[in-house]
Amino acid sequence: MRATTKTATLAILLVGVIATVALAGTKIYEGTVGDNGVVQFTVTAKHGKSKVRRFEFGQLDVTCSQGIAHLQGNFPDTVKVKNGSFTLTNDPPHGAYTESATGKIAGKQASGTLQVSGDIEPGYLDACDSGSVQWTASR
């Protein structure tokens, strides 16, 4: 039984080490966009290669033909970070609009631009445009 206990203990320790290594490769950045908005995204690293995933934004001011709206959104795709930079684009399926974001990551700091434009909700939020809005984030 003693060998079984040692094997079980070793297996539990190994799982803990693997979980710690996995978390060490994940970094969450949070920050602001424009005057009132927020951004958040995750950077994962594996074998020296980084990827941005779950880039989200909220309270982004956009000017539409009906007035100013505050949007939230996300980029569902994961993209590679090349030379510290990344680009995200999103053409949501239920509207004639586009979302785009660019970013540069330098250690614990990141910054870039975000833009949403088009008919977000036809008949309600038409001809919208945020312009190219600066965002900054840190971890």
N, C-alpha and C. Protein backbone atom coordinates (compact mmCIF):
# COMPACT_ATOMS: atom_id res chain seq x y z
N MET A 1 0.81 -1.19 0.00
CA MET A 1 0.00 0.00 0.00
C MET A 1 0.85 1.26 0.00
N ARG A 2 2.00 1.19 0.59
CA ARG A 2 2.87 2.36 0.66
C ARG A 2 3.26 2.83 -0.73
N ALA A 3 3.53 1.94 -1.66
CA ALA A 3 3.88 2.31 -3.03
C ALA A 3 2.69 2.99 -3.72
N THR A 4 1.48 2.52 -3.43
CA THR A 4 0.28 3.12 -4.01
C THR A 4 0.11 4.54 -3.49
N THR A 5 0.34 4.75 -2.20
CA THR A 5 0.22 6.09 -1.62
C THR A 5 1.24 7.03 -2.23
N LYS A 6 2.49 6.58 -2.42
CA LYS A 6 3.52 7.42 -3.03
C LYS A 6 3.15 7.76 -4.47
N THR A 7 2.62 6.78 -5.21
CA THR A 7 2.22 7.02 -6.60
C THR A 7 1.08 8.03 -6.65
N ALA A 8 0.10 7.90 -5.77
CA ALA A 8 -1.02 8.83 -5.74
C ALA A 8 -0.55 10.23 -5.37
N THR A 9 0.35 10.32 -4.39
CA THR A 9 0.88 11.62 -3.98
C THR A 9 1.66 12.26 -5.13
N LEU A 10 2.47 11.47 -5.82
CA LEU A 10 3.23 11.98 -6.96
C LEU A 10 2.30 12.46 -8.06
N ALA A 11 1.22 11.73 -8.32
CA ALA A 11 0.26 12.13 -9.35
C ALA A 11 -0.40 13.45 -8.99
N ILE A 12 -0.77 13.63 -7.74
CA ILE A 12 -1.40 14.88 -7.29
C ILE A 12 -0.42 16.04 -7.42
N LEU A 13 0.82 15.84 -7.03
CA LEU A 13 1.84 16.89 -7.15
C LEU A 13 2.07 17.25 -8.61
N LEU A 14 2.11 16.24 -9.49
CA LEU A 14 2.32 16.48 -10.91
C LEU A 14 1.19 17.31 -11.50
N VAL A 15 -0.05 17.01 -11.14
CA VAL A 15 -1.19 17.79 -11.62
C VAL A 15 -1.06 19.24 -11.15
N GLY A 16 -0.66 19.45 -9.91
CA GLY A 16 -0.47 20.80 -9.39
C GLY A 16 0.60 21.56 -10.14
N VAL A 17 1.71 20.90 -10.48
CA VAL A 17 2.79 21.54 -11.23
C VAL A 17 2.31 21.91 -12.63
N ILE A 18 1.60 20.99 -13.29
CA ILE A 18 1.10 21.27 -14.64
C ILE A 18 0.14 22.45 -14.61
N ALA A 19 -0.76 22.50 -13.64
CA ALA A 19 -1.71 23.61 -13.53
C ALA A 19 -0.98 24.93 -13.29
N THR A 20 0.06 24.92 -12.47
CA THR A 20 0.81 26.13 -12.20
C THR A 20 1.53 26.61 -13.46
N VAL A 21 2.12 25.69 -14.21
CA VAL A 21 2.81 26.06 -15.45
C VAL A 21 1.80 26.62 -16.45
N ALA A 22 0.63 26.02 -16.54
CA ALA A 22 -0.40 26.51 -17.48
C ALA A 22 -0.83 27.92 -17.11
N LEU A 23 -1.03 28.19 -15.83
CA LEU A 23 -1.42 29.53 -15.40
C LEU A 23 -0.30 30.53 -15.62
N ALA A 24 0.94 30.11 -15.50
CA ALA A 24 2.07 31.02 -15.69
C ALA A 24 2.11 31.53 -17.12
N GLY A 25 1.59 30.77 -18.08
CA GLY A 25 1.58 31.18 -19.47
C GLY A 25 0.37 32.01 -19.85
N THR A 26 -0.49 32.34 -18.88
CA THR A 26 -1.70 33.11 -19.16
C THR A 26 -1.64 34.45 -18.43
N LYS A 27 -1.82 35.52 -19.18
CA LYS A 27 -1.78 36.87 -18.60
C LYS A 27 -3.05 37.61 -18.99
N ILE A 28 -3.69 38.25 -18.03
CA ILE A 28 -4.91 39.01 -18.29
C ILE A 28 -4.58 40.50 -18.24
N TYR A 29 -4.93 41.19 -19.31
CA TYR A 29 -4.73 42.64 -19.40
C TYR A 29 -6.08 43.33 -19.27
N GLU A 30 -6.12 44.41 -18.51
CA GLU A 30 -7.34 45.20 -18.32
C GLU A 30 -7.00 46.67 -18.47
N GLY A 31 -7.95 47.43 -19.03
CA GLY A 31 -7.67 48.85 -19.19
C GLY A 31 -8.87 49.63 -19.67
N THR A 32 -8.58 50.73 -20.34
CA THR A 32 -9.62 51.66 -20.77
C THR A 32 -9.55 51.88 -22.28
N VAL A 33 -10.71 52.29 -22.82
CA VAL A 33 -10.78 52.66 -24.22
C VAL A 33 -11.63 53.93 -24.32
N GLY A 34 -11.10 54.92 -25.01
CA GLY A 34 -11.84 56.17 -25.14
C GLY A 34 -12.05 56.86 -23.80
N ASP A 35 -13.15 57.61 -23.71
CA ASP A 35 -13.43 58.39 -22.50
C ASP A 35 -13.99 57.55 -21.35
N ASN A 36 -14.87 56.59 -21.64
CA ASN A 36 -15.56 55.87 -20.57
C ASN A 36 -15.50 54.36 -20.68
N GLY A 37 -14.89 53.84 -21.73
CA GLY A 37 -14.95 52.41 -22.00
C GLY A 37 -13.87 51.61 -21.29
N VAL A 38 -14.05 50.29 -21.38
CA VAL A 38 -13.10 49.35 -20.78
C VAL A 38 -12.72 48.28 -21.80
N VAL A 39 -11.53 47.73 -21.65
CA VAL A 39 -11.08 46.60 -22.46
C VAL A 39 -10.49 45.54 -21.55
N GLN A 40 -10.57 44.31 -22.00
CA GLN A 40 -9.93 43.20 -21.29
C GLN A 40 -9.62 42.11 -22.31
N PHE A 41 -8.45 41.50 -22.18
CA PHE A 41 -8.09 40.39 -23.03
C PHE A 41 -7.07 39.51 -22.34
N THR A 42 -6.90 38.32 -22.88
CA THR A 42 -5.98 37.35 -22.31
C THR A 42 -4.87 37.06 -23.33
N VAL A 43 -3.66 36.96 -22.84
CA VAL A 43 -2.53 36.55 -23.67
C VAL A 43 -2.03 35.22 -23.13
N THR A 44 -1.97 34.24 -24.02
CA THR A 44 -1.44 32.93 -23.64
C THR A 44 -0.13 32.72 -24.36
N ALA A 45 0.79 32.04 -23.69
CA ALA A 45 2.09 31.76 -24.29
C ALA A 45 2.38 30.27 -24.16
N LYS A 46 2.84 29.70 -25.26
CA LYS A 46 3.20 28.28 -25.27
C LYS A 46 4.35 28.12 -26.25
N HIS A 47 5.42 27.50 -25.78
CA HIS A 47 6.61 27.26 -26.60
C HIS A 47 7.15 28.57 -27.18
N GLY A 48 7.09 29.64 -26.41
CA GLY A 48 7.63 30.92 -26.84
C GLY A 48 6.76 31.70 -27.81
N LYS A 49 5.56 31.21 -28.10
CA LYS A 49 4.66 31.90 -29.03
C LYS A 49 3.43 32.38 -28.26
N SER A 50 3.08 33.64 -28.47
CA SER A 50 1.95 34.24 -27.76
C SER A 50 0.75 34.40 -28.65
N LYS A 51 -0.44 34.33 -28.02
CA LYS A 51 -1.70 34.55 -28.72
C LYS A 51 -2.61 35.41 -27.86
N VAL A 52 -3.40 36.26 -28.53
CA VAL A 52 -4.42 37.06 -27.85
C VAL A 52 -5.74 36.32 -28.02
N ARG A 53 -6.46 36.20 -26.92
CA ARG A 53 -7.78 35.58 -26.95
C ARG A 53 -8.74 36.34 -26.05
N ARG A 54 -10.00 36.22 -26.34
CA ARG A 54 -11.07 36.85 -25.56
C ARG A 54 -10.90 38.36 -25.40
N PHE A 55 -10.63 39.06 -26.49
CA PHE A 55 -10.54 40.53 -26.44
C PHE A 55 -11.97 41.05 -26.34
N GLU A 56 -12.27 41.77 -25.26
CA GLU A 56 -13.61 42.29 -25.01
C GLU A 56 -13.55 43.78 -24.73
N PHE A 57 -14.62 44.49 -25.08
CA PHE A 57 -14.71 45.91 -24.76
C PHE A 57 -16.12 46.23 -24.30
N GLY A 58 -16.24 47.31 -23.54
CA GLY A 58 -17.55 47.74 -23.05
C GLY A 58 -17.60 49.25 -22.95
N GLN A 59 -18.81 49.80 -23.04
CA GLN A 59 -19.07 51.23 -22.92
C GLN A 59 -18.28 52.06 -23.93
N LEU A 60 -18.09 51.52 -25.14
CA LEU A 60 -17.42 52.25 -26.20
C LEU A 60 -18.42 53.23 -26.81
N ASP A 61 -18.09 54.51 -26.84
CA ASP A 61 -18.96 55.53 -27.42
C ASP A 61 -18.90 55.48 -28.93
N VAL A 62 -20.08 55.37 -29.56
CA VAL A 62 -20.18 55.43 -31.02
C VAL A 62 -21.25 56.46 -31.38
N THR A 63 -21.00 57.19 -32.45
CA THR A 63 -21.97 58.16 -32.94
C THR A 63 -22.74 57.53 -34.09
N CYS A 64 -24.06 57.47 -33.95
CA CYS A 64 -24.93 56.88 -34.96
C CYS A 64 -25.87 57.97 -35.47
N SER A 65 -26.59 57.67 -36.54
CA SER A 65 -27.53 58.66 -37.08
C SER A 65 -28.61 58.99 -36.05
N GLN A 66 -28.88 58.09 -35.11
CA GLN A 66 -29.89 58.34 -34.07
C GLN A 66 -29.30 58.99 -32.82
N GLY A 67 -28.00 59.16 -32.76
CA GLY A 67 -27.35 59.74 -31.58
C GLY A 67 -26.19 58.89 -31.11
N ILE A 68 -25.77 59.14 -29.89
CA ILE A 68 -24.63 58.42 -29.31
C ILE A 68 -25.11 57.16 -28.61
N ALA A 69 -24.38 56.07 -28.83
CA ALA A 69 -24.68 54.80 -28.17
C ALA A 69 -23.42 54.31 -27.47
N HIS A 70 -23.60 53.46 -26.49
CA HIS A 70 -22.49 52.87 -25.74
C HIS A 70 -22.51 51.37 -26.02
N LEU A 71 -21.48 50.89 -26.67
CA LEU A 71 -21.45 49.50 -27.13
C LEU A 71 -20.56 48.61 -26.29
N GLN A 72 -20.90 47.34 -26.31
CA GLN A 72 -19.99 46.33 -25.78
C GLN A 72 -19.85 45.27 -26.86
N GLY A 73 -18.72 44.60 -26.87
CA GLY A 73 -18.50 43.59 -27.88
C GLY A 73 -17.27 42.76 -27.56
N ASN A 74 -16.99 41.81 -28.43
CA ASN A 74 -15.82 40.98 -28.25
C ASN A 74 -15.37 40.42 -29.59
N PHE A 75 -14.16 39.93 -29.58
CA PHE A 75 -13.58 39.28 -30.75
C PHE A 75 -13.41 37.80 -30.37
N PRO A 76 -14.22 36.92 -30.95
CA PRO A 76 -14.17 35.51 -30.54
C PRO A 76 -12.93 34.75 -31.03
N ASP A 77 -12.27 35.25 -32.06
CA ASP A 77 -11.12 34.54 -32.61
C ASP A 77 -9.86 34.76 -31.78
N THR A 78 -8.99 33.78 -31.80
CA THR A 78 -7.67 33.87 -31.19
C THR A 78 -6.69 34.24 -32.30
N VAL A 79 -5.81 35.22 -32.02
CA VAL A 79 -4.83 35.63 -33.04
C VAL A 79 -3.42 35.57 -32.47
N LYS A 80 -2.47 35.34 -33.37
CA LYS A 80 -1.07 35.29 -32.98
C LYS A 80 -0.53 36.70 -32.73
N VAL A 81 0.40 36.78 -31.80
CA VAL A 81 1.13 38.02 -31.55
C VAL A 81 2.45 37.89 -32.31
N LYS A 82 2.69 38.84 -33.23
CA LYS A 82 3.91 38.82 -34.03
C LYS A 82 4.71 40.07 -33.74
N ASN A 83 5.93 39.89 -33.27
CA ASN A 83 6.79 41.02 -32.91
C ASN A 83 6.10 41.96 -31.93
N GLY A 84 5.32 41.39 -31.02
CA GLY A 84 4.63 42.18 -30.00
C GLY A 84 3.33 42.82 -30.46
N SER A 85 2.94 42.61 -31.72
CA SER A 85 1.74 43.26 -32.28
C SER A 85 0.67 42.24 -32.66
N PHE A 86 -0.58 42.70 -32.66
CA PHE A 86 -1.68 41.86 -33.12
C PHE A 86 -2.76 42.71 -33.77
N THR A 87 -3.57 42.06 -34.61
CA THR A 87 -4.69 42.72 -35.28
C THR A 87 -5.90 41.79 -35.21
N LEU A 88 -7.03 42.35 -34.83
CA LEU A 88 -8.29 41.61 -34.76
C LEU A 88 -9.32 42.26 -35.66
N THR A 89 -10.11 41.46 -36.36
CA THR A 89 -11.23 41.99 -37.14
C THR A 89 -12.43 41.09 -36.89
N ASN A 90 -13.60 41.69 -36.96
CA ASN A 90 -14.81 40.97 -36.66
C ASN A 90 -15.94 41.52 -37.52
N ASP A 91 -16.57 40.67 -38.28
CA ASP A 91 -17.76 41.04 -39.04
C ASP A 91 -18.92 40.27 -38.45
N PRO A 92 -19.58 40.82 -37.43
CA PRO A 92 -20.67 40.09 -36.77
C PRO A 92 -21.76 39.68 -37.76
N PRO A 93 -22.38 38.53 -37.53
CA PRO A 93 -23.33 37.98 -38.49
C PRO A 93 -24.66 38.70 -38.60
N HIS A 94 -25.06 39.46 -37.61
CA HIS A 94 -26.40 40.06 -37.62
C HIS A 94 -26.38 41.57 -37.80
N GLY A 95 -25.53 42.05 -38.62
CA GLY A 95 -25.47 43.49 -38.85
C GLY A 95 -24.50 43.81 -39.96
N ALA A 96 -24.65 44.96 -40.49
CA ALA A 96 -23.76 45.40 -41.56
C ALA A 96 -22.72 46.33 -40.97
N TYR A 97 -21.93 45.82 -40.05
CA TYR A 97 -20.90 46.64 -39.42
C TYR A 97 -19.64 45.82 -39.20
N THR A 98 -18.55 46.51 -38.91
CA THR A 98 -17.28 45.84 -38.65
C THR A 98 -16.69 46.36 -37.35
N GLU A 99 -15.90 45.50 -36.74
CA GLU A 99 -15.13 45.85 -35.55
C GLU A 99 -13.68 45.52 -35.87
N SER A 100 -12.77 46.40 -35.49
CA SER A 100 -11.35 46.11 -35.68
C SER A 100 -10.56 46.66 -34.50
N ALA A 101 -9.52 45.94 -34.17
CA ALA A 101 -8.64 46.37 -33.08
C ALA A 101 -7.20 46.02 -33.46
N THR A 102 -6.30 46.90 -33.10
CA THR A 102 -4.88 46.63 -33.24
C THR A 102 -4.25 46.81 -31.87
N GLY A 103 -3.13 46.16 -31.64
CA GLY A 103 -2.48 46.31 -30.35
C GLY A 103 -1.01 46.01 -30.40
N LYS A 104 -0.33 46.52 -29.41
CA LYS A 104 1.10 46.30 -29.23
C LYS A 104 1.31 45.97 -27.76
N ILE A 105 1.97 44.86 -27.49
CA ILE A 105 2.22 44.42 -26.12
C ILE A 105 3.71 44.60 -25.83
N ALA A 106 4.00 45.26 -24.72
CA ALA A 106 5.38 45.46 -24.29
C ALA A 106 5.45 45.16 -22.79
N GLY A 107 5.75 43.91 -22.47
CA GLY A 107 5.82 43.49 -21.07
C GLY A 107 4.46 43.53 -20.40
N LYS A 108 4.35 44.34 -19.35
CA LYS A 108 3.09 44.42 -18.61
C LYS A 108 2.14 45.46 -19.17
N GLN A 109 2.54 46.16 -20.22
CA GLN A 109 1.71 47.22 -20.81
C GLN A 109 1.29 46.84 -22.23
N ALA A 110 0.11 47.32 -22.61
CA ALA A 110 -0.37 47.11 -23.98
C ALA A 110 -1.17 48.34 -24.38
N SER A 111 -1.19 48.62 -25.68
CA SER A 111 -1.97 49.75 -26.18
C SER A 111 -2.31 49.51 -27.64
N GLY A 112 -3.28 50.27 -28.12
CA GLY A 112 -3.67 50.13 -29.50
C GLY A 112 -4.88 50.96 -29.84
N THR A 113 -5.57 50.57 -30.91
CA THR A 113 -6.77 51.28 -31.34
C THR A 113 -7.92 50.29 -31.52
N LEU A 114 -9.13 50.82 -31.43
CA LEU A 114 -10.34 50.04 -31.61
C LEU A 114 -11.30 50.89 -32.42
N GLN A 115 -12.00 50.27 -33.37
CA GLN A 115 -12.98 50.99 -34.17
C GLN A 115 -14.16 50.09 -34.49
N VAL A 116 -15.36 50.66 -34.36
CA VAL A 116 -16.60 49.99 -34.74
C VAL A 116 -17.31 50.93 -35.70
N SER A 117 -17.77 50.39 -36.84
CA SER A 117 -18.48 51.24 -37.80
C SER A 117 -19.50 50.44 -38.60
N GLY A 118 -20.58 51.13 -39.00
CA GLY A 118 -21.61 50.52 -39.82
C GLY A 118 -22.98 50.55 -39.16
N ASP A 119 -23.89 49.80 -39.72
CA ASP A 119 -25.25 49.68 -39.19
C ASP A 119 -25.27 48.57 -38.15
N ILE A 120 -25.21 48.94 -36.90
CA ILE A 120 -25.12 47.95 -35.82
C ILE A 120 -26.43 47.21 -35.64
N GLU A 121 -27.51 47.95 -35.59
CA GLU A 121 -28.84 47.36 -35.51
C GLU A 121 -29.73 48.17 -36.44
N PRO A 122 -29.86 47.71 -37.70
CA PRO A 122 -30.59 48.49 -38.70
C PRO A 122 -31.97 48.96 -38.20
N GLY A 123 -32.21 50.26 -38.43
CA GLY A 123 -33.46 50.88 -37.99
C GLY A 123 -33.38 51.44 -36.59
N TYR A 124 -32.37 51.06 -35.85
CA TYR A 124 -32.22 51.54 -34.47
C TYR A 124 -30.86 52.20 -34.25
N LEU A 125 -29.80 51.56 -34.72
CA LEU A 125 -28.44 52.12 -34.64
C LEU A 125 -27.82 52.04 -36.03
N ASP A 126 -28.09 53.09 -36.85
CA ASP A 126 -27.62 53.14 -38.24
C ASP A 126 -26.43 54.08 -38.39
N ALA A 127 -25.60 53.79 -39.39
CA ALA A 127 -24.48 54.65 -39.76
C ALA A 127 -23.64 55.05 -38.55
N CYS A 128 -23.28 54.07 -37.77
CA CYS A 128 -22.50 54.31 -36.54
C CYS A 128 -21.01 54.32 -36.84
N ASP A 129 -20.27 55.07 -36.04
CA ASP A 129 -18.82 55.08 -36.15
C ASP A 129 -18.22 55.57 -34.84
N SER A 130 -17.31 54.80 -34.31
CA SER A 130 -16.61 55.20 -33.10
C SER A 130 -15.39 56.05 -33.43
N GLY A 131 -14.95 55.99 -34.70
CA GLY A 131 -13.66 56.58 -35.04
C GLY A 131 -12.58 55.64 -34.50
N SER A 132 -11.35 55.91 -34.78
CA SER A 132 -10.25 55.10 -34.27
C SER A 132 -9.94 55.58 -32.85
N VAL A 133 -10.31 54.77 -31.87
CA VAL A 133 -10.22 55.15 -30.46
C VAL A 133 -9.03 54.44 -29.81
N GLN A 134 -8.25 55.18 -29.04
CA GLN A 134 -7.09 54.63 -28.35
C GLN A 134 -7.52 53.82 -27.14
N TRP A 135 -6.83 52.69 -26.91
CA TRP A 135 -7.02 51.93 -25.69
C TRP A 135 -5.66 51.64 -25.06
N THR A 136 -5.64 51.48 -23.76
CA THR A 136 -4.45 51.08 -23.02
C THR A 136 -4.84 50.03 -21.98
N ALA A 137 -3.94 49.12 -21.68
CA ALA A 137 -4.22 48.08 -20.69
C ALA A 137 -2.92 47.65 -20.04
N SER A 138 -3.05 47.05 -18.87
CA SER A 138 -1.88 46.53 -18.16
C SER A 138 -2.29 45.28 -17.39
N ARG A 139 -1.31 44.56 -16.93
CA ARG A 139 -1.57 43.37 -16.14
C ARG A 139 -0.91 43.49 -14.78
